[in-house]
Protein backbone atom coordinates (compact mmCIF):
# COMPACT_ATOMS: atom_id res chain seq x y z
CA MET A 1 117.64 40.25 1.26
CA LYS A 2 116.43 39.87 5.29
CA ILE A 3 114.50 42.58 4.87
CA SER A 4 112.52 41.54 1.68
CA THR A 5 112.10 38.09 3.14
CA SER A 6 110.70 39.75 6.45
CA ILE A 7 108.34 41.94 4.67
CA ILE A 8 107.09 39.14 2.87
CA ILE A 9 106.45 37.03 5.44
CA ALA A 10 105.09 40.06 7.24
CA SER A 11 102.44 40.77 4.61
CA GLY A 12 101.68 36.66 4.28
CA VAL A 13 100.53 36.93 8.21
CA LEU A 14 98.68 40.00 7.52
CA ALA A 15 96.70 38.50 4.88
CA LEU A 16 96.19 35.67 6.97
CA ALA A 17 94.67 37.60 9.80
CA ALA A 18 92.47 39.64 7.39
CA CYS A 19 91.16 36.44 6.00
CA ASN A 20 90.00 35.06 9.47
CA LYS A 21 88.43 38.26 10.08
CA LYS A 22 84.60 38.60 9.65
CA SER A 23 83.08 41.69 7.76
CA PRO A 24 80.31 43.41 9.44
CA GLY A 25 77.81 42.51 6.90
CA ASP A 26 79.28 38.83 7.43
CA ASN A 27 78.76 39.50 11.40
CA GLN A 28 75.08 41.04 10.75
CA ALA A 29 73.96 37.75 8.73
CA SER A 30 74.88 35.79 11.30
CA ALA A 31 73.45 37.65 13.73
CA ILE A 32 70.55 37.58 11.20
CA GLU A 33 70.61 33.72 11.32
CA ALA A 34 70.96 33.31 15.20
CA ASN A 35 67.77 35.57 15.65
CA ALA A 36 65.98 33.39 13.02
CA SER A 37 66.96 30.12 14.80
CA ASN A 38 66.01 31.32 18.07
CA GLU A 39 62.62 32.48 16.72
CA ALA A 40 61.58 29.19 15.29
CA GLU A 41 62.67 27.31 18.40
CA ASN A 42 60.59 29.49 20.21
CA VAL A 43 57.43 29.24 17.91
CA THR A 44 57.79 25.49 18.13
CA ALA A 45 58.10 25.43 21.96
CA ALA A 46 55.14 27.83 22.02
CA GLY A 47 53.07 25.28 19.71
CA GLU A 48 54.09 22.49 21.82
CA ASN A 49 53.02 23.64 25.32
CA LYS A 50 49.81 24.89 23.75
CA ALA A 51 49.08 21.22 22.37
CA ASP A 52 50.12 19.89 25.79
CA ASN A 53 47.96 22.22 27.41
CA ILE A 54 44.75 20.67 25.13
CA MET A 55 46.13 17.45 25.75
CA ASN A 56 45.89 18.54 29.86
CA ALA A 57 42.51 19.45 29.42
CA ALA A 58 40.73 16.95 27.46
CA GLU A 59 42.32 14.58 29.73
CA ASN A 60 40.93 16.47 32.52
CA LYS A 61 37.50 16.67 31.27
CA ALA A 62 37.42 12.92 29.87
CA ASP A 63 38.17 12.42 33.75
CA ALA A 64 35.71 14.44 35.08
CA ILE A 65 33.15 12.78 33.07
CA LYS A 66 33.71 9.56 33.87
CA ASN A 67 34.07 10.28 37.36
CA GLU A 68 30.50 12.06 37.32
CA SER A 69 29.37 8.76 35.40
CA LYS A 70 30.71 6.26 37.99
CA ASN A 71 29.16 8.57 40.56
CA GLU A 72 25.70 8.34 38.99
CA ALA A 73 26.15 4.60 38.63
CA ALA A 74 26.80 4.34 42.24
CA GLU A 75 23.85 6.47 42.98
CA ILE A 76 21.36 4.47 41.06
CA LYS A 77 22.92 0.98 42.65
CA ASN A 78 21.96 2.63 46.24
CA ASP A 79 18.76 4.17 45.07
CA ALA A 80 17.83 0.47 43.77
CA LYS A 81 19.46 -1.06 46.85
CA ASN A 82 17.29 0.95 49.28
CA GLU A 83 14.13 0.16 47.12
CA ALA A 84 14.96 -3.18 47.47
CA ALA A 85 15.06 -3.09 50.81
CA ALA A 86 11.95 -1.17 51.49
CA VAL A 87 10.35 -3.54 49.62
CA LYS A 88 11.54 -6.72 51.46
CA ASN A 89 10.92 -4.80 54.75
CA SER A 90 7.07 -4.31 53.39
CA ALA A 91 6.51 -7.61 52.35
CA SER A 92 8.09 -8.69 55.44
CA ASN A 93 5.43 -6.43 57.64
CA SER A 94 2.68 -7.82 55.59
CA SER A 95 3.52 -11.09 56.36
CA SER A 96 3.64 -10.43 60.06
CA ASN A 97 0.62 -8.44 60.03
CA THR A 98 -1.32 -11.26 58.20
CA THR A 99 0.24 -13.94 61.04
CA GLU A 100 -0.62 -11.70 63.64
CA THR A 101 -4.33 -11.48 62.28
CA LYS A 102 -4.69 -14.85 61.71
CA THR A 103 -3.01 -15.53 65.45
CA THR A 104 -5.70 -13.40 66.52
CA THR A 105 -8.70 -14.33 64.67
CA LYS A 106 -7.96 -18.03 65.80
CA THR A 107 -7.92 -16.82 69.39
CA GLU A 108 -11.14 -14.87 69.60
CA LYS A 109 -12.92 -17.49 67.86
CA LYS A 110 -12.34 -19.75 70.89
């Protein structure tokens, strides 16, 4: 009786151990699933990186255009200030010359 009970228990343990082991087909299927999951994650990451690069390039281009327009506006303002200063100087010189001419003419007439 002891021997048959031991054999039955040993058979049960062997059966349980056999159930827990994966077959080569199960192992291969698990590997295929893991590889597919990794590949999908890589494709997603690559797409996100490409999208980020496109966004960064667009932001850089927008910043460059903004800077260019600011520089152009500053140049226009400076040109206008210089032109206005030149007109003021010209007007000032004209009125100075007119005053000098009037003074000279009055002195000469005496």
